């Protein structure tokens, strides 16, 4: 997961101002090391400032990083989960045409910098067991796959990690891939190679019963999505770092455009959500504390249980089973005049 955005992106100075208010976040950390992976990608090793162990995490987890200018971005953890209590590792690609988060990280996050982060969340876990795990990473989307490779190697389970990049010069985490004890499971595929391998060919050749995991830019995601369309849904796992185009995000039925009421079951408050509003912003305006990070239905920070009504789900982080009881209130709406939340 990389560079998830908040709704607004104010200009961020190259160095944090002394007047910057203390950002949100559950853990205060120090950047203990900055690594230069490629001309575009830098790695950051994060340790607790108080010296206590960090919350342990599983492969596929991400953290929210709170930045100056009221920016919040989510980044996948790419270190060995077995050592996550010692330090978290993230890798960030600078996107000059992005919404400002990666530019802020590359501009002012230096060794010794103090930051606030959220506790790890995992919406992209490994399957408990499988005959084979096929890990497909496109560019910086390889970061959660590296953590998965560490975990699968420790579990003694068969896997292949296939990484796709423009060229060897743009391959993130190359040193990790070259030196890891599971390096014999790694395949690298470059756009400038004389003969190119497609992710679809690897999906087609996967052993029977394999589980596929993929993350990367939208073109890569679409390619793998199409290759896996005939696989059982429970064997296909993915994580976006940007929402797909709206035409793909829309539900099969026409999305609700009219306003509706949200009822808060515990307080019995009734709030109106207009056609151009989202539920999270309406709740926040009414003084209800709601955590939002990506506001695209990707990061899972705003997931809320509902008790009655029919949501118009527009997220990319909930399973169909989870949608029966929960809604991502940053992006989803209601197909019924009233939606009751367990708040």
C-alpha atoms as a PDB file:
ATOM      1  CA  UNK A   1       0.000   0.000   0.000  1.00  0.00           C
ATOM      2  CA  UNK A   2       1.394   3.343  -0.897  1.00  0.00           C
ATOM      3  CA  UNK A   3       0.468   7.016  -0.788  1.00  0.00           C
ATOM      4  CA  UNK A   4      -3.170   6.798   0.193  1.00  0.00           C
ATOM      5  CA  UNK A   5      -4.605  10.274   0.268  1.00  0.00           C
ATOM      6  CA  UNK A   6      -6.778  12.444   2.421  1.00  0.00           C
ATOM      7  CA  UNK A   7      -9.431  14.645   0.848  1.00  0.00           C
ATOM      8  CA  UNK A   8      -7.335  17.807   0.704  1.00  0.00           C
ATOM      9  CA  UNK A   9      -3.648  18.200   0.043  1.00  0.00           C
ATOM     10  CA  UNK A  10      -2.261  21.462   1.380  1.00  0.00           C
ATOM     11  CA  UNK A  11       1.186  22.606   0.354  1.00  0.00           C
ATOM     12  CA  UNK A  12       3.812  21.028   2.599  1.00  0.00           C
ATOM     13  CA  UNK A  13       7.045  22.926   3.307  1.00  0.00           C
ATOM     14  CA  UNK A  14      10.394  21.239   2.708  1.00  0.00           C
ATOM     15  CA  UNK A  15      11.057  21.319   6.462  1.00  0.00           C
ATOM     16  CA  UNK A  16       8.442  21.016   9.231  1.00  0.00           C
ATOM     17  CA  UNK A  17       7.515  24.280  10.886  1.00  0.00           C
ATOM     18  CA  UNK A  18       8.062  24.709  14.610  1.00  0.00           C
ATOM     19  CA  UNK A  19       4.426  25.818  14.714  1.00  0.00           C
ATOM     20  CA  UNK A  20       3.179  22.494  13.299  1.00  0.00           C
ATOM     21  CA  UNK A  21       0.615  21.104  15.763  1.00  0.00           C
ATOM     22  CA  UNK A  22       1.141  17.637  17.208  1.00  0.00           C
ATOM     23  CA  UNK A  23      -0.426  15.292  14.652  1.00  0.00           C
ATOM     24  CA  UNK A  24      -2.741  12.427  15.415  1.00  0.00           C
ATOM     25  CA  UNK A  25      -1.400   8.915  15.790  1.00  0.00           C
ATOM     26  CA  UNK A  26      -1.031   6.277  18.455  1.00  0.00           C
ATOM     27  CA  UNK A  27       2.745   5.758  18.537  1.00  0.00           C
ATOM     28  CA  UNK A  28       5.640   8.225  18.586  1.00  0.00           C
ATOM     29  CA  UNK A  29       8.605   6.944  16.611  1.00  0.00           C
ATOM     30  CA  UNK A  30      12.049   8.051  15.516  1.00  0.00           C
ATOM     31  CA  UNK A  31      13.371   7.458  12.011  1.00  0.00           C
ATOM     32  CA  UNK A  32      16.450   5.415  12.878  1.00  0.00           C
ATOM     33  CA  UNK A  33      17.658   4.879   9.319  1.00  0.00           C
ATOM     34  CA  UNK A  34      16.962   6.157   5.800  1.00  0.00           C
ATOM     35  CA  UNK A  35      17.847   3.851   2.903  1.00  0.00           C
ATOM     36  CA  UNK A  36      18.183   4.890  -0.725  1.00  0.00           C
ATOM     37  CA  UNK A  37      16.763   2.012  -2.781  1.00  0.00           C
ATOM     38  CA  UNK A  38      16.458   3.687  -6.196  1.00  0.00           C
ATOM     39  CA  UNK A  39      16.403   7.211  -7.578  1.00  0.00           C
ATOM     40  CA  UNK A  40      12.669   7.267  -6.761  1.00  0.00           C
ATOM     41  CA  UNK A  41      12.315   4.999  -3.722  1.00  0.00           C
ATOM     42  CA  UNK A  42      13.633   5.522  -0.208  1.00  0.00           C
ATOM     43  CA  UNK A  43      13.254   3.193   2.756  1.00  0.00           C
ATOM     44  CA  UNK A  44      12.642   4.266   6.344  1.00  0.00           C
ATOM     45  CA  UNK A  45      13.308   2.253   9.501  1.00  0.00           C
ATOM     46  CA  UNK A  46      11.057   3.364  12.368  1.00  0.00           C
ATOM     47  CA  UNK A  47      11.593   2.639  16.070  1.00  0.00           C
ATOM     48  CA  UNK A  48       9.684   3.699  19.165  1.00  0.00           C
ATOM     49  CA  UNK A  49      11.071   6.788  20.796  1.00  0.00           C
ATOM     50  CA  UNK A  50      10.579   5.333  24.285  1.00  0.00           C
ATOM     51  CA  UNK A  51      12.522   2.164  23.471  1.00  0.00           C
ATOM     52  CA  UNK A  52       9.558  -0.140  24.160  1.00  0.00           C
ATOM     53  CA  UNK A  53       8.646  -2.916  21.707  1.00  0.00           C
ATOM     54  CA  UNK A  54       6.372  -1.962  18.835  1.00  0.00           C
ATOM     55  CA  UNK A  55       3.075  -3.816  18.374  1.00  0.00           C
ATOM     56  CA  UNK A  56       3.814  -6.976  16.414  1.00  0.00           C
ATOM     57  CA  UNK A  57       2.183  -7.301  13.022  1.00  0.00           C
ATOM     58  CA  UNK A  58       1.485  -9.916  10.410  1.00  0.00           C
ATOM     59  CA  UNK A  59       2.540  -9.849   6.761  1.00  0.00           C
ATOM     60  CA  UNK A  60       0.338  -7.584   4.668  1.00  0.00           C
ATOM     61  CA  UNK A  61      -0.157  -4.972   7.397  1.00  0.00           C
ATOM     62  CA  UNK A  62       0.160  -1.238   6.858  1.00  0.00           C
ATOM     63  CA  UNK A  63       0.560   1.804   9.087  1.00  0.00           C
ATOM     64  CA  UNK A  64      -0.743   5.353   8.858  1.00  0.00           C
ATOM     65  CA  UNK A  65       1.999   7.984   8.912  1.00  0.00           C
ATOM     66  CA  UNK A  66       0.996  11.455  10.115  1.00  0.00           C
ATOM     67  CA  UNK A  67       2.798  14.285   8.334  1.00  0.00           C
ATOM     68  CA  UNK A  68       2.925  18.081   8.580  1.00  0.00           C
ATOM     69  CA  UNK A  69       0.167  19.981   6.805  1.00  0.00           C
ATOM     70  CA  UNK A  70      -2.464  17.594   8.225  1.00  0.00           C
ATOM     71  CA  UNK A  71      -1.498  14.920   5.718  1.00  0.00           C
ATOM     72  CA  UNK A  72      -1.953  11.233   6.507  1.00  0.00           C
ATOM     73  CA  UNK A  73      -0.615   8.462   4.316  1.00  0.00           C
ATOM     74  CA  UNK A  74      -0.721   4.677   4.606  1.00  0.00           C
ATOM     75  CA  UNK A  75       2.320   2.559   3.776  1.00  0.00           C
ATOM     76  CA  UNK A  76       2.745  -1.208   3.750  1.00  0.00           C
ATOM     77  CA  UNK A  77       5.279  -2.701   6.129  1.00  0.00           C
ATOM     78  CA  UNK A  78       8.004  -4.444   4.160  1.00  0.00           C
ATOM     79  CA  UNK A  79      10.247  -5.815   6.898  1.00  0.00           C
ATOM     80  CA  UNK A  80      10.296  -9.263   8.465  1.00  0.00           C
ATOM     81  CA  UNK A  81       7.087  -9.573  10.550  1.00  0.00           C
ATOM     82  CA  UNK A  82       8.949 -11.742  13.064  1.00  0.00           C
ATOM     83  CA  UNK A  83      11.090  -8.693  13.921  1.00  0.00           C
ATOM     84  CA  UNK A  84       8.336  -6.084  13.735  1.00  0.00           C
ATOM     85  CA  UNK A  85       8.491  -5.531  17.491  1.00  0.00           C
ATOM     86  CA  UNK A  86      12.002  -4.100  16.975  1.00  0.00           C
ATOM     87  CA  UNK A  87      11.291  -1.743  14.078  1.00  0.00           C
ATOM     88  CA  UNK A  88       8.888  -1.072  11.240  1.00  0.00           C
ATOM     89  CA  UNK A  89      10.224  -0.719   7.707  1.00  0.00           C
ATOM     90  CA  UNK A  90       8.456   1.117   4.905  1.00  0.00           C
ATOM     91  CA  UNK A  91       9.523   2.095   1.385  1.00  0.00           C
ATOM     92  CA  UNK A  92       8.101   5.198  -0.270  1.00  0.00           C
ATOM     93  CA  UNK A  93       8.196   6.066  -3.955  1.00  0.00           C
ATOM     94  CA  UNK A  94       8.295   9.774  -4.714  1.00  0.00           C
ATOM     95  CA  UNK A  95       5.326  10.653  -6.922  1.00  0.00           C
ATOM     96  CA  UNK A  96       5.832  14.171  -8.248  1.00  0.00           C
ATOM     97  CA  UNK A  97       2.369  14.119  -9.813  1.00  0.00           C
ATOM     98  CA  UNK A  98       0.721  12.653  -6.722  1.00  0.00           C
ATOM     99  CA  UNK A  99      -1.227  14.411  -4.004  1.00  0.00           C
ATOM    100  CA  UNK A 100       1.738  15.509  -1.927  1.00  0.00           C
ATOM    101  CA  UNK A 101       2.280  12.768   0.649  1.00  0.00           C
ATOM    102  CA  UNK A 102       5.293  11.101  -0.932  1.00  0.00           C
ATOM    103  CA  UNK A 103       6.833  14.483  -1.749  1.00  0.00           C
ATOM    104  CA  UNK A 104       6.473  15.450   1.915  1.00  0.00           C
ATOM    105  CA  UNK A 105       8.167  12.242   3.048  1.00  0.00           C
ATOM    106  CA  UNK A 106      11.055  12.613   0.598  1.00  0.00           C
ATOM    107  CA  UNK A 107      11.448  16.343   1.294  1.00  0.00           C
ATOM    108  CA  UNK A 108      11.765  16.406   5.063  1.00  0.00           C
ATOM    109  CA  UNK A 109      11.818  12.950   6.656  1.00  0.00           C
ATOM    110  CA  UNK A 110      15.424  12.458   7.673  1.00  0.00           C
ATOM    111  CA  UNK A 111      17.315  10.175  10.044  1.00  0.00           C
ATOM    112  CA  UNK A 112      16.419  11.203  13.591  1.00  0.00           C
ATOM    113  CA  UNK A 113      13.063  12.749  12.629  1.00  0.00           C
ATOM    114  CA  UNK A 114      10.239  12.243  15.144  1.00  0.00           C
ATOM    115  CA  UNK A 115       6.903  11.116  13.700  1.00  0.00           C
ATOM    116  CA  UNK A 116       3.539   9.840  14.858  1.00  0.00           C
ATOM    117  CA  UNK A 117       2.105   6.689  13.338  1.00  0.00           C
ATOM    118  CA  UNK A 118      -0.988   4.557  13.781  1.00  0.00           C
ATOM    119  CA  UNK A 119      -0.934   0.972  15.023  1.00  0.00           C
ATOM    120  CA  UNK A 120      -0.699  -1.603  12.211  1.00  0.00           C
ATOM    121  CA  UNK A 121      -3.879  -2.670  10.427  1.00  0.00           C
ATOM    122  CA  UNK A 122      -4.061  -5.690   8.158  1.00  0.00           C
ATOM    123  CA  UNK A 123      -6.603  -5.886   5.345  1.00  0.00           C
ATOM    124  CA  UNK A 124      -4.302  -8.026   3.191  1.00  0.00           C
ATOM    125  CA  UNK A 125      -3.478 -11.130   5.246  1.00  0.00           C
ATOM    126  CA  UNK A 126      -1.970 -14.355   4.009  1.00  0.00           C
ATOM    127  CA  UNK A 127      -4.246 -17.366   3.713  1.00  0.00           C
ATOM    128  CA  UNK A 128      -3.764 -19.767   6.651  1.00  0.00           C
ATOM    129  CA  UNK A 129      -2.480 -22.438   4.299  1.00  0.00           C
ATOM    130  CA  UNK A 130      -2.324 -23.153   0.583  1.00  0.00           C
ATOM    131  CA  UNK A 131      -0.575 -25.595  -1.771  1.00  0.00           C
ATOM    132  CA  UNK A 132       1.291 -22.604  -3.197  1.00  0.00           C
ATOM    133  CA  UNK A 133       1.307 -18.807  -2.776  1.00  0.00           C
ATOM    134  CA  UNK A 134       1.878 -16.643  -5.864  1.00  0.00           C
ATOM    135  CA  UNK A 135       3.002 -13.146  -4.852  1.00  0.00           C
ATOM    136  CA  UNK A 136       2.830 -10.561  -7.648  1.00  0.00           C
ATOM    137  CA  UNK A 137       4.213  -7.085  -7.045  1.00  0.00           C
ATOM    138  CA  UNK A 138       4.185  -4.229  -9.538  1.00  0.00           C
ATOM    139  CA  UNK A 139       6.834  -1.599  -8.757  1.00  0.00           C
ATOM    140  CA  UNK A 140       6.426  -0.209  -5.248  1.00  0.00           C
ATOM    141  CA  UNK A 141       3.455  -2.579  -4.859  1.00  0.00           C
ATOM    142  CA  UNK A 142       6.015  -5.250  -4.056  1.00  0.00           C
ATOM    143  CA  UNK A 143       6.444  -3.930  -0.499  1.00  0.00           C
ATOM    144  CA  UNK A 144       3.749  -6.060   1.213  1.00  0.00           C
ATOM    145  CA  UNK A 145       4.910  -9.046  -0.852  1.00  0.00           C
ATOM    146  CA  UNK A 146       8.367  -8.875   0.719  1.00  0.00           C
ATOM    147  CA  UNK A 147       6.835  -9.135   4.186  1.00  0.00           C
ATOM    148  CA  UNK A 148       4.723 -12.057   2.953  1.00  0.00           C
ATOM    149  CA  UNK A 149       7.811 -13.791   1.587  1.00  0.00           C
ATOM    150  CA  UNK A 150       9.509 -13.467   4.989  1.00  0.00           C
ATOM    151  CA  UNK A 151       6.445 -14.960   6.702  1.00  0.00           C
ATOM    152  CA  UNK A 152       5.935 -17.808   4.234  1.00  0.00           C
ATOM    153  CA  UNK A 153       9.605 -18.769   4.432  1.00  0.00           C
ATOM    154  CA  UNK A 154       9.316 -18.903   8.225  1.00  0.00           C
ATOM    155  CA  UNK A 155       6.183 -21.051   7.895  1.00  0.00           C
ATOM    156  CA  UNK A 156       7.908 -23.405   5.468  1.00  0.00           C
ATOM    157  CA  UNK A 157       5.213 -22.952   2.824  1.00  0.00           C
ATOM    158  CA  UNK A 158       5.870 -22.953  -0.937  1.00  0.00           C
ATOM    159  CA  UNK A 159       5.678 -19.600  -2.712  1.00  0.00           C
ATOM    160  CA  UNK A 160       6.914 -17.595  -5.665  1.00  0.00           C
ATOM    161  CA  UNK A 161       7.581 -13.869  -5.463  1.00  0.00           C
ATOM    162  CA  UNK A 162       7.408 -12.254  -8.912  1.00  0.00           C
ATOM    163  CA  UNK A 163       8.347  -8.580  -9.088  1.00  0.00           C
ATOM    164  CA  UNK A 164       7.703  -6.390 -12.129  1.00  0.00           C
ATOM    165  CA  UNK A 165       9.574  -3.120 -12.731  1.00  0.00           C
ATOM    166  CA  UNK A 166      10.549  -0.804 -15.583  1.00  0.00           C
ATOM    167  CA  UNK A 167      14.182  -1.900 -15.424  1.00  0.00           C
ATOM    168  CA  UNK A 168      16.771  -3.187 -12.968  1.00  0.00           C
ATOM    169  CA  UNK A 169      17.595   0.412 -12.029  1.00  0.00           C
ATOM    170  CA  UNK A 170      14.014   0.931 -10.830  1.00  0.00           C
ATOM    171  CA  UNK A 171      13.719  -2.283  -8.825  1.00  0.00           C
ATOM    172  CA  UNK A 172      12.818  -1.403  -5.212  1.00  0.00           C
ATOM    173  CA  UNK A 173      14.376  -3.378  -2.342  1.00  0.00           C
ATOM    174  CA  UNK A 174      16.887  -5.059  -4.642  1.00  0.00           C
ATOM    175  CA  UNK A 175      19.320  -5.679  -1.792  1.00  0.00           C
ATOM    176  CA  UNK A 176      16.610  -7.502   0.172  1.00  0.00           C
ATOM    177  CA  UNK A 177      15.699  -9.650  -2.825  1.00  0.00           C
ATOM    178  CA  UNK A 178      19.365 -10.509  -3.447  1.00  0.00           C
ATOM    179  CA  UNK A 179      20.280 -11.426   0.122  1.00  0.00           C
ATOM    180  CA  UNK A 180      17.101 -12.894   1.675  1.00  0.00           C
ATOM    181  CA  UNK A 181      17.192 -16.577   2.667  1.00  0.00           C
ATOM    182  CA  UNK A 182      14.268 -17.061   0.248  1.00  0.00           C
ATOM    183  CA  UNK A 183      16.021 -15.410  -2.721  1.00  0.00           C
ATOM    184  CA  UNK A 184      15.706 -18.609  -4.766  1.00  0.00           C
ATOM    185  CA  UNK A 185      11.906 -18.039  -4.782  1.00  0.00           C
ATOM    186  CA  UNK A 186      12.258 -14.609  -6.423  1.00  0.00           C
ATOM    187  CA  UNK A 187      11.602 -13.780 -10.071  1.00  0.00           C
ATOM    188  CA  UNK A 188      12.322 -10.315 -11.476  1.00  0.00           C
ATOM    189  CA  UNK A 189      10.693  -9.142 -14.691  1.00  0.00           C
ATOM    190  CA  UNK A 190      11.628  -5.910 -16.441  1.00  0.00           C
ATOM    191  CA  UNK A 191       9.840  -3.916 -19.123  1.00  0.00           C
ATOM    192  CA  UNK A 192      13.103  -3.386 -21.004  1.00  0.00           C
ATOM    193  CA  UNK A 193      13.959  -7.104 -21.179  1.00  0.00           C
ATOM    194  CA  UNK A 194      14.281  -8.617 -24.697  1.00  0.00           C
ATOM    195  CA  UNK A 195      11.584 -11.142 -23.778  1.00  0.00           C
ATOM    196  CA  UNK A 196       8.899  -9.982 -21.375  1.00  0.00           C
ATOM    197  CA  UNK A 197       6.899 -12.197 -19.016  1.00  0.00           C
ATOM    198  CA  UNK A 198       3.351 -11.147 -18.205  1.00  0.00           C
ATOM    199  CA  UNK A 199       1.738 -11.588 -14.782  1.00  0.00           C
ATOM    200  CA  UNK A 200      -1.103 -13.404 -16.546  1.00  0.00           C
ATOM    201  CA  UNK A 201       1.278 -16.126 -17.731  1.00  0.00           C
ATOM    202  CA  UNK A 202       2.380 -16.734 -14.143  1.00  0.00           C
ATOM    203  CA  UNK A 203      -1.235 -16.911 -12.998  1.00  0.00           C
ATOM    204  CA  UNK A 204      -1.999 -19.428 -15.748  1.00  0.00           C
ATOM    205  CA  UNK A 205       1.017 -21.577 -14.787  1.00  0.00           C
ATOM    206  CA  UNK A 206       0.398 -21.513 -11.020  1.00  0.00           C
ATOM    207  CA  UNK A 207       0.085 -24.917  -9.318  1.00  0.00           C
ATOM    208  CA  UNK A 208      -3.420 -26.205  -8.702  1.00  0.00           C
ATOM    209  CA  UNK A 209      -5.044 -24.680  -5.642  1.00  0.00           C
ATOM    210  CA  UNK A 210      -2.655 -21.719  -5.497  1.00  0.00           C
ATOM    211  CA  UNK A 211      -3.576 -18.464  -3.808  1.00  0.00           C
ATOM    212  CA  UNK A 212      -2.651 -15.287  -5.689  1.00  0.00           C
ATOM    213  CA  UNK A 213      -1.755 -11.970  -4.044  1.00  0.00           C
ATOM    214  CA  UNK A 214      -1.157  -8.779  -6.004  1.00  0.00           C
ATOM    215  CA  UNK A 215      -0.513  -5.086  -5.517  1.00  0.00           C
ATOM    216  CA  UNK A 216       0.722  -2.355  -7.837  1.00  0.00           C
ATOM    217  CA  UNK A 217      -0.340   0.490 -10.128  1.00  0.00           C
ATOM    218  CA  UNK A 218      -3.773   0.378 -11.744  1.00  0.00           C
ATOM    219  CA  UNK A 219      -2.660  -1.001 -15.128  1.00  0.00           C
ATOM    220  CA  UNK A 220      -0.888  -3.861 -13.360  1.00  0.00           C
ATOM    221  CA  UNK A 221      -3.878  -4.438 -11.080  1.00  0.00           C
ATOM    222  CA  UNK A 222      -6.284  -4.602 -14.009  1.00  0.00           C
ATOM    223  CA  UNK A 223      -4.062  -7.068 -15.854  1.00  0.00           C
ATOM    224  CA  UNK A 224      -3.844  -9.452 -12.874  1.00  0.00           C
ATOM    225  CA  UNK A 225      -7.516  -8.933 -12.012  1.00  0.00           C
ATOM    226  CA  UNK A 226      -8.500 -10.119 -15.483  1.00  0.00           C
ATOM    227  CA  UNK A 227      -6.085 -13.058 -15.306  1.00  0.00           C
ATOM    228  CA  UNK A 228      -7.633 -14.205 -12.013  1.00  0.00           C
ATOM    229  CA  UNK A 229     -11.268 -13.631 -12.937  1.00  0.00           C
ATOM    230  CA  UNK A 230     -11.999 -17.354 -13.256  1.00  0.00           C
ATOM    231  CA  UNK A 231     -10.327 -18.259  -9.964  1.00  0.00           C
ATOM    232  CA  UNK A 232     -12.476 -18.781  -6.850  1.00  0.00           C
ATOM    233  CA  UNK A 233     -12.717 -15.464  -5.004  1.00  0.00           C
ATOM    234  CA  UNK A 234     -11.366 -16.958  -1.772  1.00  0.00           C
ATOM    235  CA  UNK A 235      -8.058 -17.705  -3.520  1.00  0.00           C
ATOM    236  CA  UNK A 236      -7.496 -14.188  -4.875  1.00  0.00           C
ATOM    237  CA  UNK A 237      -6.161 -11.448  -2.577  1.00  0.00           C
ATOM    238  CA  UNK A 238      -5.265  -7.895  -3.521  1.00  0.00           C
ATOM    239  CA  UNK A 239      -4.662  -4.438  -2.137  1.00  0.00           C
ATOM    240  CA  UNK A 240      -4.966  -1.112  -3.919  1.00  0.00           C
ATOM    241  CA  UNK A 241      -2.887   1.936  -3.146  1.00  0.00           C
ATOM    242  CA  UNK A 242      -5.133   4.134  -5.258  1.00  0.00           C
ATOM    243  CA  UNK A 243      -8.817   3.642  -5.982  1.00  0.00           C
ATOM    244  CA  UNK A 244      -9.577   2.232  -9.461  1.00  0.00           C
ATOM    245  CA  UNK A 245     -11.396   4.484 -11.927  1.00  0.00           C
ATOM    246  CA  UNK A 246     -14.942   5.290 -10.838  1.00  0.00           C
ATOM    247  CA  UNK A 247     -16.444   3.271 -13.664  1.00  0.00           C
ATOM    248  CA  UNK A 248     -14.916   0.129 -12.122  1.00  0.00           C
ATOM    249  CA  UNK A 249     -15.604   1.186  -8.572  1.00  0.00           C
ATOM    250  CA  UNK A 250     -19.337   1.573  -9.091  1.00  0.00           C
ATOM    251  CA  UNK A 251     -21.570  -1.220  -7.852  1.00  0.00           C
ATOM    252  CA  UNK A 252     -23.469  -3.341 -10.324  1.00  0.00           C
ATOM    253  CA  UNK A 253     -26.672  -1.456  -9.617  1.00  0.00           C
ATOM    254  CA  UNK A 254     -26.889   2.294 -10.165  1.00  0.00           C
ATOM    255  CA  UNK A 255     -25.343   4.011  -7.120  1.00  0.00           C
ATOM    256  CA  UNK A 256     -27.579   6.001  -4.859  1.00  0.00           C
ATOM    257  CA  UNK A 257     -27.447   9.730  -5.601  1.00  0.00           C
ATOM    258  CA  UNK A 258     -30.254  11.069  -3.416  1.00  0.00           C
ATOM    259  CA  UNK A 259     -29.784  12.164   0.166  1.00  0.00           C
ATOM    260  CA  UNK A 260     -30.567   9.839   3.052  1.00  0.00           C
ATOM    261  CA  UNK A 261     -30.659   9.780   6.836  1.00  0.00           C
ATOM    262  CA  UNK A 262     -28.105   8.190   9.110  1.00  0.00           C
ATOM    263  CA  UNK A 263     -29.329   7.090  12.535  1.00  0.00           C
ATOM    264  CA  UNK A 264     -26.786   6.623  15.315  1.00  0.00           C
ATOM    265  CA  UNK A 265     -28.214   3.736  17.328  1.00  0.00           C
ATOM    266  CA  UNK A 266     -26.566   4.516  20.649  1.00  0.00           C
ATOM    267  CA  UNK A 267     -27.334   8.222  20.804  1.00  0.00           C
ATOM    268  CA  UNK A 268     -30.428   8.137  18.578  1.00  0.00           C
ATOM    269  CA  UNK A 269     -29.082  11.088  16.608  1.00  0.00           C
ATOM    270  CA  UNK A 270     -30.501  11.466  13.113  1.00  0.00           C
ATOM    271  CA  UNK A 271     -28.289  13.171  10.535  1.00  0.00           C
ATOM    272  CA  UNK A 272     -28.975  13.984   6.889  1.00  0.00           C
ATOM    273  CA  UNK A 273     -26.398  13.064   4.276  1.00  0.00           C
ATOM    274  CA  UNK A 274     -26.858  15.168   1.144  1.00  0.00           C
ATOM    275  CA  UNK A 275     -26.256  14.000  -2.445  1.00  0.00           C
ATOM    276  CA  UNK A 276     -22.756  15.498  -2.544  1.00  0.00           C
ATOM    277  CA  UNK A 277     -21.751  14.588   1.016  1.00  0.00           C
ATOM    278  CA  UNK A 278     -20.239  11.475   2.517  1.00  0.00           C
ATOM    279  CA  UNK A 279     -21.248   9.884   5.792  1.00  0.00           C
ATOM    280  CA  UNK A 280     -17.891  10.395   7.503  1.00  0.00           C
ATOM    281  CA  UNK A 281     -17.850  14.160   6.909  1.00  0.00           C
ATOM    282  CA  UNK A 282     -21.434  14.538   8.118  1.00  0.00           C
ATOM    283  CA  UNK A 283     -20.604  12.660  11.323  1.00  0.00           C
ATOM    284  CA  UNK A 284     -17.459  14.703  11.881  1.00  0.00           C
ATOM    285  CA  UNK A 285     -19.409  17.948  11.370  1.00  0.00           C
ATOM    286  CA  UNK A 286     -21.850  16.771  14.050  1.00  0.00           C
ATOM    287  CA  UNK A 287     -19.018  16.215  16.529  1.00  0.00           C
ATOM    288  CA  UNK A 288     -18.848  12.439  16.149  1.00  0.00           C
ATOM    289  CA  UNK A 289     -15.255  11.210  16.183  1.00  0.00           C
ATOM    290  CA  UNK A 290     -14.523   9.303  12.994  1.00  0.00           C
ATOM    291  CA  UNK A 291     -11.061   8.291  11.851  1.00  0.00           C
ATOM    292  CA  UNK A 292     -10.467   8.780   8.136  1.00  0.00           C
ATOM    293  CA  UNK A 293      -7.195   8.410   6.273  1.00  0.00           C
ATOM    294  CA  UNK A 294      -7.512   7.507   2.588  1.00  0.00           C
ATOM    295  CA  UNK A 295     -11.142   8.583   1.978  1.00  0.00           C
ATOM    296  CA  UNK A 296     -11.147   6.191  -0.979  1.00  0.00           C
ATOM    297  CA  UNK A 297     -12.368   3.049   0.785  1.00  0.00           C
ATOM    298  CA  UNK A 298      -8.958   1.399   0.777  1.00  0.00           C
ATOM    299  CA  UNK A 299      -7.270   1.733   4.156  1.00  0.00           C
ATOM    300  CA  UNK A 300     -10.071   0.518   6.450  1.00  0.00           C
ATOM    301  CA  UNK A 301      -9.704   3.303   9.029  1.00  0.00           C
ATOM    302  CA  UNK A 302     -13.395   4.291   8.885  1.00  0.00           C
ATOM    303  CA  UNK A 303     -15.014   0.841   8.857  1.00  0.00           C
ATOM    304  CA  UNK A 304     -18.185   0.987  10.963  1.00  0.00           C
ATOM    305  CA  UNK A 305     -20.809  -1.642  11.834  1.00  0.00           C
ATOM    306  CA  UNK A 306     -24.376  -1.003  10.679  1.00  0.00           C
ATOM    307  CA  UNK A 307     -27.596  -2.453  12.069  1.00  0.00           C
ATOM    308  CA  UNK A 308     -30.313  -1.618   9.553  1.00  0.00           C
ATOM    309  CA  UNK A 309     -30.673  -0.372   5.998  1.00  0.00           C
ATOM    310  CA  UNK A 310     -28.953  -1.325   2.745  1.00  0.00           C
ATOM    311  CA  UNK A 311     -25.558   0.263   2.110  1.00  0.00           C
ATOM    312  CA  UNK A 312     -24.312   1.162  -1.355  1.00  0.00           C
ATOM    313  CA  UNK A 313     -20.822  -0.239  -0.837  1.00  0.00           C
ATOM    314  CA  UNK A 314     -18.122   1.566  -2.813  1.00  0.00           C
ATOM    315  CA  UNK A 315     -15.023   0.433  -0.903  1.00  0.00           C
ATOM    316  CA  UNK A 316     -12.095  -1.792  -1.860  1.00  0.00           C
ATOM    317  CA  UNK A 317     -11.202  -3.196   1.549  1.00  0.00           C
ATOM    318  CA  UNK A 318     -14.180  -5.222   2.807  1.00  0.00           C
ATOM    319  CA  UNK A 319     -14.996  -8.793   1.825  1.00  0.00           C
ATOM    320  CA  UNK A 320     -18.542  -9.670   0.827  1.00  0.00           C
ATOM    321  CA  UNK A 321     -19.035 -11.338   4.210  1.00  0.00           C
ATOM    322  CA  UNK A 322     -17.813  -8.210   6.011  1.00  0.00           C
ATOM    323  CA  UNK A 323     -20.133  -6.040   3.935  1.00  0.00           C
ATOM    324  CA  UNK A 324     -23.083  -7.863   5.467  1.00  0.00           C
ATOM    325  CA  UNK A 325     -22.349  -6.112   8.771  1.00  0.00           C
ATOM    326  CA  UNK A 326     -19.934  -3.227   8.095  1.00  0.00           C
ATOM    327  CA  UNK A 327     -19.592  -0.189   5.844  1.00  0.00           C
ATOM    328  CA  UNK A 328     -16.734   2.115   4.852  1.00  0.00           C
ATOM    329  CA  UNK A 329     -18.340   5.437   5.706  1.00  0.00           C
ATOM    330  CA  UNK A 330     -15.742   7.560   3.893  1.00  0.00           C
ATOM    331  CA  UNK A 331     -17.014   6.570   0.454  1.00  0.00           C
ATOM    332  CA  UNK A 332     -20.136   4.387   0.644  1.00  0.00           C
ATOM    333  CA  UNK A 333     -23.731   5.575   0.759  1.00  0.00           C
ATOM    334  CA  UNK A 334     -27.185   4.101   1.378  1.00  0.00           C
ATOM    335  CA  UNK A 335     -29.673   2.537  -1.014  1.00  0.00           C
ATOM    336  CA  UNK A 336     -32.420   2.915   1.571  1.00  0.00           C
ATOM    337  CA  UNK A 337     -33.821   6.215   2.949  1.00  0.00           C
ATOM    338  CA  UNK A 338     -32.365   5.390   6.377  1.00  0.00           C
ATOM    339  CA  UNK A 339     -29.146   3.675   7.417  1.00  0.00           C
ATOM    340  CA  UNK A 340     -28.601   2.810  11.081  1.00  0.00           C
ATOM    341  CA  UNK A 341     -25.025   2.706  12.339  1.00  0.00           C
ATOM    342  CA  UNK A 342     -23.835   1.022  15.524  1.00  0.00           C
ATOM    343  CA  UNK A 343     -22.556   4.294  16.948  1.00  0.00           C
END
